[in-house]
Amino acid sequence: MRKIAFVFTLLVMILGSCTGDKVLFEEYYKLPNMSWNRFNIVTFEIPVNEEGFEADFYLNIRHIPEIPYETLKYNFTFIFPSGEVRTADYELDFLDNGGNALSECMGDLCDLQVPVRKNLRVSDGGMLKVEIENKYTKIEMPGIIEVGLIVRKSQDEL
């Protein structure tokens, strides 16, 4: 039985490394009371080695299936180890033009992952800070469970 488990684990590792989808960072911030307060800026710190990297950044929103919104307006700010700051406002759609949910749901949890920035070059070693701010006009945005950041090595770099 151990042999089978070892072979299965080895196979999964080999197949996983062949996809070219190398995750450099993945972290989630659980929001209190399943609600995103607009003054609660979610911050992630990503360690960067001296060589730096080129990566694609994705926002993942975990929410309840009955999300009462069509869109989420948010701000995404990069604070580089050098001190340089880049910021932009974005809008995430929960529904397509036909009114169908864009999220992948399983039971009481839905995930919606969207690309925010592709091929971002981080040259300096140190700590890259990413701040995600809810720009919803009301104080609370109920139904949002977690905010996640996924950083993948850019395909061009593989």
N, C-alpha and C. Protein backbone atom coordinates (compact mmCIF):
# COMPACT_ATOMS: atom_id res chain seq x y z
N MET A 1 0.82 -1.20 0.00
CA MET A 1 0.00 0.00 0.00
C MET A 1 0.86 1.26 0.00
N ARG A 2 1.99 1.23 0.73
CA ARG A 2 2.89 2.38 0.76
C ARG A 2 3.47 2.66 -0.62
N LYS A 3 3.75 1.57 -1.36
CA LYS A 3 4.30 1.73 -2.70
C LYS A 3 3.31 2.46 -3.60
N ILE A 4 2.06 2.07 -3.49
CA ILE A 4 1.03 2.71 -4.31
C ILE A 4 0.91 4.19 -3.95
N ALA A 5 0.92 4.50 -2.68
CA ALA A 5 0.83 5.89 -2.23
C ALA A 5 2.05 6.68 -2.71
N PHE A 6 3.23 6.08 -2.65
CA PHE A 6 4.44 6.75 -3.10
C PHE A 6 4.38 7.03 -4.60
N VAL A 7 3.97 6.03 -5.37
CA VAL A 7 3.88 6.19 -6.83
C VAL A 7 2.84 7.25 -7.18
N PHE A 8 1.71 7.23 -6.49
CA PHE A 8 0.66 8.22 -6.74
C PHE A 8 1.17 9.63 -6.43
N THR A 9 1.83 9.80 -5.29
CA THR A 9 2.38 11.10 -4.92
C THR A 9 3.41 11.57 -5.94
N LEU A 10 4.28 10.68 -6.36
CA LEU A 10 5.29 11.02 -7.35
C LEU A 10 4.64 11.43 -8.67
N LEU A 11 3.61 10.72 -9.08
CA LEU A 11 2.90 11.02 -10.32
C LEU A 11 2.25 12.40 -10.25
N VAL A 12 1.62 12.71 -9.13
CA VAL A 12 0.99 14.01 -8.95
C VAL A 12 2.03 15.13 -9.02
N MET A 13 3.17 14.92 -8.40
CA MET A 13 4.23 15.93 -8.42
C MET A 13 4.75 16.14 -9.83
N ILE A 14 4.94 15.07 -10.58
CA ILE A 14 5.45 15.18 -11.93
C ILE A 14 4.44 15.89 -12.83
N LEU A 15 3.19 15.48 -12.74
CA LEU A 15 2.16 16.12 -13.56
C LEU A 15 1.99 17.58 -13.18
N GLY A 16 2.06 17.87 -11.90
CA GLY A 16 1.93 19.26 -11.44
C GLY A 16 3.06 20.13 -11.94
N SER A 17 4.26 19.59 -12.05
CA SER A 17 5.39 20.39 -12.51
C SER A 17 5.36 20.58 -14.01
N CYS A 18 4.60 19.77 -14.73
CA CYS A 18 4.53 19.88 -16.18
C CYS A 18 3.54 20.94 -16.64
N THR A 19 2.69 21.40 -15.77
CA THR A 19 1.67 22.35 -16.19
C THR A 19 2.25 23.73 -16.47
N GLY A 20 3.42 24.06 -15.94
CA GLY A 20 4.00 25.37 -16.17
C GLY A 20 3.32 26.45 -15.36
N ASP A 21 2.49 26.08 -14.42
CA ASP A 21 1.72 27.02 -13.63
C ASP A 21 2.33 27.10 -12.24
N LYS A 22 3.53 27.65 -12.15
CA LYS A 22 4.24 27.68 -10.88
C LYS A 22 3.70 28.80 -9.99
N VAL A 23 3.13 28.40 -8.86
CA VAL A 23 2.60 29.37 -7.91
C VAL A 23 3.75 29.85 -7.02
N LEU A 24 3.98 31.15 -7.04
CA LEU A 24 5.03 31.75 -6.21
C LEU A 24 4.51 32.15 -4.84
N PHE A 25 3.21 32.47 -4.78
CA PHE A 25 2.61 32.94 -3.54
C PHE A 25 1.11 32.73 -3.63
N GLU A 26 0.53 32.26 -2.53
CA GLU A 26 -0.92 32.13 -2.45
C GLU A 26 -1.32 32.28 -0.99
N GLU A 27 -2.17 33.25 -0.74
CA GLU A 27 -2.60 33.50 0.63
C GLU A 27 -4.01 34.08 0.61
N TYR A 28 -4.77 33.78 1.67
CA TYR A 28 -6.14 34.25 1.78
C TYR A 28 -6.33 34.97 3.11
N TYR A 29 -7.13 36.00 3.08
CA TYR A 29 -7.46 36.75 4.29
C TYR A 29 -8.95 36.54 4.57
N LYS A 30 -9.23 35.92 5.70
CA LYS A 30 -10.62 35.65 6.10
C LYS A 30 -11.21 36.91 6.71
N LEU A 31 -12.32 37.36 6.15
CA LEU A 31 -12.96 38.58 6.62
C LEU A 31 -13.87 38.29 7.81
N PRO A 32 -13.86 39.17 8.81
CA PRO A 32 -14.72 38.96 9.97
C PRO A 32 -16.20 39.08 9.58
N ASN A 33 -17.02 38.19 10.11
CA ASN A 33 -18.48 38.22 9.93
C ASN A 33 -18.92 38.11 8.47
N MET A 34 -18.09 37.49 7.63
CA MET A 34 -18.42 37.33 6.20
C MET A 34 -18.86 38.65 5.57
N SER A 35 -18.11 39.70 5.87
CA SER A 35 -18.43 41.03 5.35
C SER A 35 -17.14 41.82 5.18
N TRP A 36 -17.03 42.53 4.06
CA TRP A 36 -15.83 43.31 3.80
C TRP A 36 -16.13 44.78 4.07
N ASN A 37 -15.60 45.28 5.17
CA ASN A 37 -15.72 46.68 5.53
C ASN A 37 -14.83 47.48 4.59
N ARG A 38 -15.34 48.57 4.05
CA ARG A 38 -14.56 49.32 3.05
C ARG A 38 -13.30 49.96 3.63
N PHE A 39 -13.21 50.05 4.94
CA PHE A 39 -12.00 50.61 5.55
C PHE A 39 -11.00 49.51 5.94
N ASN A 40 -11.36 48.26 5.68
CA ASN A 40 -10.47 47.13 5.97
C ASN A 40 -9.65 46.83 4.71
N ILE A 41 -8.48 47.43 4.61
CA ILE A 41 -7.60 47.22 3.47
C ILE A 41 -6.84 45.92 3.71
N VAL A 42 -6.99 44.98 2.80
CA VAL A 42 -6.34 43.67 2.93
C VAL A 42 -4.93 43.79 2.38
N THR A 43 -3.95 43.38 3.19
CA THR A 43 -2.54 43.52 2.82
C THR A 43 -1.84 42.17 2.79
N PHE A 44 -1.05 41.97 1.75
CA PHE A 44 -0.24 40.76 1.61
C PHE A 44 1.22 41.19 1.44
N GLU A 45 2.12 40.44 2.04
CA GLU A 45 3.56 40.70 1.90
C GLU A 45 4.21 39.49 1.25
N ILE A 46 4.86 39.75 0.11
CA ILE A 46 5.46 38.68 -0.69
C ILE A 46 6.98 38.84 -0.67
N PRO A 47 7.70 37.85 -0.14
CA PRO A 47 9.15 37.94 -0.15
C PRO A 47 9.70 37.80 -1.57
N VAL A 48 10.66 38.66 -1.90
CA VAL A 48 11.28 38.64 -3.23
C VAL A 48 12.77 38.42 -3.05
N ASN A 49 13.31 37.38 -3.70
CA ASN A 49 14.75 37.13 -3.60
C ASN A 49 15.51 38.16 -4.44
N GLU A 50 16.82 38.17 -4.34
CA GLU A 50 17.67 39.18 -4.99
C GLU A 50 17.51 39.20 -6.51
N GLU A 51 17.21 38.06 -7.13
CA GLU A 51 17.07 38.01 -8.59
C GLU A 51 15.74 38.61 -9.04
N GLY A 52 14.78 38.73 -8.12
CA GLY A 52 13.47 39.22 -8.48
C GLY A 52 12.68 38.17 -9.23
N PHE A 53 11.58 38.57 -9.85
CA PHE A 53 10.77 37.66 -10.65
C PHE A 53 9.84 38.45 -11.55
N GLU A 54 9.27 37.75 -12.52
CA GLU A 54 8.21 38.30 -13.36
C GLU A 54 7.00 37.42 -13.12
N ALA A 55 5.87 38.03 -12.76
CA ALA A 55 4.73 37.22 -12.32
C ALA A 55 3.40 37.79 -12.77
N ASP A 56 2.41 36.91 -12.70
CA ASP A 56 1.02 37.27 -12.97
C ASP A 56 0.29 37.27 -11.63
N PHE A 57 -0.51 38.29 -11.38
CA PHE A 57 -1.22 38.46 -10.11
C PHE A 57 -2.71 38.27 -10.31
N TYR A 58 -3.32 37.46 -9.43
CA TYR A 58 -4.74 37.16 -9.51
C TYR A 58 -5.41 37.47 -8.19
N LEU A 59 -6.60 38.03 -8.28
CA LEU A 59 -7.44 38.26 -7.11
C LEU A 59 -8.45 37.13 -7.04
N ASN A 60 -8.62 36.55 -5.86
CA ASN A 60 -9.63 35.51 -5.66
C ASN A 60 -10.59 35.99 -4.58
N ILE A 61 -11.87 36.02 -4.94
CA ILE A 61 -12.90 36.41 -3.98
C ILE A 61 -13.73 35.18 -3.66
N ARG A 62 -13.77 34.80 -2.39
CA ARG A 62 -14.63 33.70 -1.93
C ARG A 62 -15.86 34.34 -1.31
N HIS A 63 -17.04 33.91 -1.77
CA HIS A 63 -18.28 34.53 -1.33
C HIS A 63 -19.39 33.51 -1.21
N ILE A 64 -20.52 33.96 -0.66
CA ILE A 64 -21.70 33.10 -0.54
C ILE A 64 -22.37 33.02 -1.93
N PRO A 65 -23.12 31.95 -2.20
CA PRO A 65 -23.77 31.82 -3.52
C PRO A 65 -24.79 32.93 -3.81
N GLU A 66 -25.46 33.42 -2.78
CA GLU A 66 -26.51 34.43 -2.98
C GLU A 66 -25.94 35.85 -2.91
N ILE A 67 -24.77 36.07 -3.49
CA ILE A 67 -24.14 37.39 -3.41
C ILE A 67 -25.09 38.44 -4.01
N PRO A 68 -25.43 39.49 -3.26
CA PRO A 68 -26.44 40.44 -3.73
C PRO A 68 -25.88 41.56 -4.63
N TYR A 69 -24.73 41.37 -5.23
CA TYR A 69 -24.11 42.41 -6.03
C TYR A 69 -23.80 41.89 -7.43
N GLU A 70 -23.76 42.80 -8.37
CA GLU A 70 -23.35 42.44 -9.72
C GLU A 70 -21.85 42.65 -9.91
N THR A 71 -21.29 43.65 -9.20
CA THR A 71 -19.87 43.98 -9.36
C THR A 71 -19.23 44.31 -8.02
N LEU A 72 -17.92 44.24 -8.02
CA LEU A 72 -17.10 44.67 -6.88
C LEU A 72 -16.06 45.63 -7.42
N LYS A 73 -16.10 46.86 -6.93
CA LYS A 73 -15.08 47.83 -7.30
C LYS A 73 -13.99 47.76 -6.24
N TYR A 74 -12.74 47.70 -6.69
CA TYR A 74 -11.63 47.58 -5.75
C TYR A 74 -10.39 48.30 -6.29
N ASN A 75 -9.49 48.60 -5.39
CA ASN A 75 -8.21 49.21 -5.74
C ASN A 75 -7.11 48.22 -5.42
N PHE A 76 -6.14 48.12 -6.29
CA PHE A 76 -5.01 47.20 -6.14
C PHE A 76 -3.75 48.05 -6.15
N THR A 77 -2.96 47.98 -5.08
CA THR A 77 -1.75 48.78 -4.96
C THR A 77 -0.54 47.87 -4.75
N PHE A 78 0.50 48.09 -5.55
CA PHE A 78 1.77 47.41 -5.39
C PHE A 78 2.74 48.39 -4.76
N ILE A 79 3.38 47.97 -3.68
CA ILE A 79 4.45 48.77 -3.06
C ILE A 79 5.72 47.92 -3.18
N PHE A 80 6.60 48.32 -4.09
CA PHE A 80 7.80 47.54 -4.40
C PHE A 80 8.86 47.69 -3.32
N PRO A 81 9.78 46.72 -3.24
CA PRO A 81 10.87 46.83 -2.27
C PRO A 81 11.67 48.13 -2.42
N SER A 82 11.72 48.67 -3.63
CA SER A 82 12.45 49.92 -3.89
C SER A 82 11.73 51.15 -3.36
N GLY A 83 10.43 50.98 -2.99
CA GLY A 83 9.63 52.10 -2.53
C GLY A 83 8.67 52.62 -3.59
N GLU A 84 8.84 52.18 -4.84
CA GLU A 84 7.94 52.58 -5.92
C GLU A 84 6.53 52.07 -5.62
N VAL A 85 5.52 52.90 -5.95
CA VAL A 85 4.13 52.54 -5.72
C VAL A 85 3.37 52.60 -7.04
N ARG A 86 2.62 51.54 -7.34
CA ARG A 86 1.73 51.52 -8.51
C ARG A 86 0.35 51.13 -8.02
N THR A 87 -0.64 51.90 -8.43
CA THR A 87 -2.01 51.66 -7.97
C THR A 87 -3.00 51.86 -9.11
N ALA A 88 -4.08 51.08 -9.08
CA ALA A 88 -5.12 51.21 -10.10
C ALA A 88 -6.44 50.69 -9.54
N ASP A 89 -7.53 51.26 -10.06
CA ASP A 89 -8.87 50.82 -9.69
C ASP A 89 -9.35 49.80 -10.71
N TYR A 90 -10.10 48.81 -10.23
CA TYR A 90 -10.63 47.74 -11.08
C TYR A 90 -12.07 47.47 -10.72
N GLU A 91 -12.73 46.70 -11.57
CA GLU A 91 -14.09 46.27 -11.31
C GLU A 91 -14.20 44.79 -11.65
N LEU A 92 -14.71 44.03 -10.71
CA LEU A 92 -14.89 42.59 -10.88
C LEU A 92 -16.38 42.33 -11.06
N ASP A 93 -16.74 41.60 -12.10
CA ASP A 93 -18.14 41.26 -12.35
C ASP A 93 -18.45 39.90 -11.75
N PHE A 94 -19.54 39.82 -11.00
CA PHE A 94 -20.01 38.55 -10.47
C PHE A 94 -20.91 37.82 -11.48
N LEU A 95 -21.48 38.57 -12.44
CA LEU A 95 -22.39 38.01 -13.42
C LEU A 95 -21.94 38.36 -14.84
N ASP A 96 -22.24 37.47 -15.79
CA ASP A 96 -21.96 37.80 -17.19
C ASP A 96 -23.12 38.62 -17.75
N ASN A 97 -23.07 38.96 -19.04
CA ASN A 97 -24.11 39.79 -19.65
C ASN A 97 -25.49 39.14 -19.62
N GLY A 98 -25.53 37.82 -19.56
CA GLY A 98 -26.80 37.11 -19.51
C GLY A 98 -27.35 36.92 -18.11
N GLY A 99 -26.64 37.44 -17.10
CA GLY A 99 -27.08 37.32 -15.71
C GLY A 99 -26.66 36.03 -15.04
N ASN A 100 -25.76 35.27 -15.68
CA ASN A 100 -25.27 34.01 -15.12
C ASN A 100 -24.05 34.27 -14.22
N ALA A 101 -23.97 33.52 -13.14
CA ALA A 101 -22.85 33.66 -12.21
C ALA A 101 -21.53 33.27 -12.87
N LEU A 102 -20.50 34.06 -12.64
CA LEU A 102 -19.16 33.77 -13.17
C LEU A 102 -18.33 32.96 -12.19
N SER A 103 -18.80 32.86 -10.96
CA SER A 103 -18.06 32.15 -9.90
C SER A 103 -18.22 30.64 -10.06
N GLU A 104 -17.24 29.92 -9.53
CA GLU A 104 -17.35 28.48 -9.41
C GLU A 104 -17.82 28.18 -8.00
N CYS A 105 -18.98 27.53 -7.90
CA CYS A 105 -19.56 27.27 -6.58
C CYS A 105 -19.56 25.78 -6.26
N MET A 106 -19.30 25.52 -4.99
CA MET A 106 -19.38 24.16 -4.47
C MET A 106 -20.03 24.27 -3.10
N GLY A 107 -21.29 23.88 -3.03
CA GLY A 107 -22.02 24.00 -1.78
C GLY A 107 -22.26 25.44 -1.42
N ASP A 108 -21.84 25.82 -0.20
CA ASP A 108 -22.07 27.18 0.30
C ASP A 108 -20.93 28.14 -0.01
N LEU A 109 -19.96 27.71 -0.79
CA LEU A 109 -18.80 28.56 -1.11
C LEU A 109 -18.68 28.75 -2.61
N CYS A 110 -18.40 29.98 -3.00
CA CYS A 110 -18.15 30.30 -4.40
C CYS A 110 -16.82 31.03 -4.50
N ASP A 111 -16.07 30.72 -5.53
CA ASP A 111 -14.79 31.39 -5.79
C ASP A 111 -14.83 32.05 -7.15
N LEU A 112 -14.33 33.26 -7.19
CA LEU A 112 -14.19 33.98 -8.44
C LEU A 112 -12.76 34.50 -8.50
N GLN A 113 -12.02 34.01 -9.49
CA GLN A 113 -10.62 34.40 -9.64
C GLN A 113 -10.48 35.22 -10.92
N VAL A 114 -9.86 36.38 -10.80
CA VAL A 114 -9.67 37.25 -11.96
C VAL A 114 -8.22 37.71 -12.03
N PRO A 115 -7.68 37.81 -13.26
CA PRO A 115 -6.33 38.35 -13.39
C PRO A 115 -6.35 39.85 -13.12
N VAL A 116 -5.34 40.32 -12.40
CA VAL A 116 -5.23 41.75 -12.11
C VAL A 116 -4.08 42.35 -12.90
N ARG A 117 -2.95 41.66 -12.89
CA ARG A 117 -1.77 42.19 -13.58
C ARG A 117 -0.94 41.03 -14.12
N LYS A 118 -0.62 41.08 -15.40
CA LYS A 118 0.20 40.04 -16.04
C LYS A 118 1.60 40.59 -16.27
N ASN A 119 2.57 39.70 -16.20
CA ASN A 119 3.97 40.01 -16.52
C ASN A 119 4.53 41.20 -15.75
N LEU A 120 4.23 41.28 -14.47
CA LEU A 120 4.79 42.36 -13.65
C LEU A 120 6.19 41.98 -13.22
N ARG A 121 7.16 42.81 -13.54
CA ARG A 121 8.55 42.56 -13.19
C ARG A 121 8.86 43.22 -11.85
N VAL A 122 9.33 42.41 -10.91
CA VAL A 122 9.79 42.91 -9.61
C VAL A 122 11.28 42.66 -9.58
N SER A 123 12.06 43.73 -9.69
CA SER A 123 13.51 43.62 -9.88
C SER A 123 14.30 43.52 -8.58
N ASP A 124 13.87 44.26 -7.57
CA ASP A 124 14.64 44.35 -6.34
C ASP A 124 14.22 43.30 -5.33
N GLY A 125 15.21 42.76 -4.62
CA GLY A 125 14.93 41.83 -3.54
C GLY A 125 14.38 42.58 -2.34
N GLY A 126 13.63 41.88 -1.51
CA GLY A 126 13.04 42.49 -0.32
C GLY A 126 11.61 42.01 -0.17
N MET A 127 10.73 42.92 0.20
CA MET A 127 9.34 42.57 0.45
C MET A 127 8.45 43.39 -0.49
N LEU A 128 7.68 42.70 -1.32
CA LEU A 128 6.67 43.34 -2.16
C LEU A 128 5.37 43.34 -1.36
N LYS A 129 4.78 44.50 -1.23
CA LYS A 129 3.54 44.64 -0.47
C LYS A 129 2.39 44.88 -1.46
N VAL A 130 1.29 44.15 -1.28
CA VAL A 130 0.11 44.32 -2.12
C VAL A 130 -1.06 44.67 -1.20
N GLU A 131 -1.72 45.78 -1.51
CA GLU A 131 -2.88 46.22 -0.75
C GLU A 131 -4.11 46.18 -1.65
N ILE A 132 -5.19 45.57 -1.13
CA ILE A 132 -6.43 45.47 -1.87
C ILE A 132 -7.51 46.18 -1.06
N GLU A 133 -8.09 47.20 -1.67
CA GLU A 133 -9.07 48.03 -0.97
C GLU A 133 -10.44 47.90 -1.63
N ASN A 134 -11.44 47.65 -0.82
CA ASN A 134 -12.83 47.60 -1.27
C ASN A 134 -13.30 49.03 -1.52
N LYS A 135 -13.81 49.29 -2.71
CA LYS A 135 -14.28 50.63 -3.07
C LYS A 135 -15.82 50.70 -3.10
N TYR A 136 -16.47 49.71 -2.46
CA TYR A 136 -17.93 49.70 -2.38
C TYR A 136 -18.37 50.97 -1.66
N THR A 137 -19.48 51.57 -2.11
CA THR A 137 -19.89 52.87 -1.57
C THR A 137 -20.45 52.81 -0.16
N LYS A 138 -20.92 51.64 0.27
CA LYS A 138 -21.44 51.52 1.63
C LYS A 138 -20.33 51.01 2.55
N ILE A 139 -20.52 51.14 3.86
CA ILE A 139 -19.50 50.74 4.82
C ILE A 139 -19.21 49.24 4.76
N GLU A 140 -20.25 48.42 4.70
CA GLU A 140 -20.08 46.97 4.71
C GLU A 140 -20.53 46.36 3.38
N MET A 141 -19.83 45.31 2.95
CA MET A 141 -20.23 44.53 1.79
C MET A 141 -20.41 43.10 2.26
N PRO A 142 -21.61 42.75 2.77
CA PRO A 142 -21.83 41.40 3.29
C PRO A 142 -21.80 40.35 2.18
N GLY A 143 -21.43 39.12 2.58
CA GLY A 143 -21.40 38.01 1.64
C GLY A 143 -20.01 37.66 1.14
N ILE A 144 -19.04 38.51 1.41
CA ILE A 144 -17.66 38.23 1.02
C ILE A 144 -16.99 37.52 2.19
N ILE A 145 -16.48 36.32 1.96
CA ILE A 145 -15.91 35.50 3.02
C ILE A 145 -14.39 35.68 3.12
N GLU A 146 -13.71 35.65 1.97
CA GLU A 146 -12.25 35.77 1.96
C GLU A 146 -11.80 36.54 0.73
N VAL A 147 -10.65 37.18 0.89
CA VAL A 147 -9.96 37.84 -0.22
C VAL A 147 -8.63 37.13 -0.36
N GLY A 148 -8.34 36.66 -1.56
CA GLY A 148 -7.10 35.93 -1.78
C GLY A 148 -6.24 36.56 -2.85
N LEU A 149 -4.95 36.34 -2.72
CA LEU A 149 -3.98 36.78 -3.72
C LEU A 149 -3.19 35.57 -4.17
N ILE A 150 -3.13 35.37 -5.48
CA ILE A 150 -2.35 34.29 -6.07
C ILE A 150 -1.36 34.91 -7.03
N VAL A 151 -0.10 34.53 -6.87
CA VAL A 151 0.97 35.04 -7.73
C VAL A 151 1.59 33.84 -8.43
N ARG A 152 1.55 33.87 -9.76
CA ARG A 152 2.11 32.78 -10.56
C ARG A 152 3.25 33.30 -11.42
N LYS A 153 4.27 32.49 -11.58
CA LYS A 153 5.36 32.84 -12.46
C LYS A 153 4.81 33.07 -13.85
N SER A 154 5.21 34.18 -14.50
CA SER A 154 4.70 34.49 -15.83
C SER A 154 5.07 33.40 -16.81
N GLN A 155 4.16 33.10 -17.72
CA GLN A 155 4.40 32.06 -18.72
C GLN A 155 5.59 32.40 -19.61
N ASP A 156 5.82 33.69 -19.88
CA ASP A 156 6.92 34.10 -20.74
C ASP A 156 8.27 33.74 -20.13
N GLU A 157 8.30 33.57 -18.80
CA GLU A 157 9.56 33.33 -18.10
C GLU A 157 9.90 31.85 -18.02
N LEU A 158 8.95 30.97 -18.34
CA LEU A 158 9.15 29.53 -18.18
C LEU A 158 10.04 28.97 -19.27
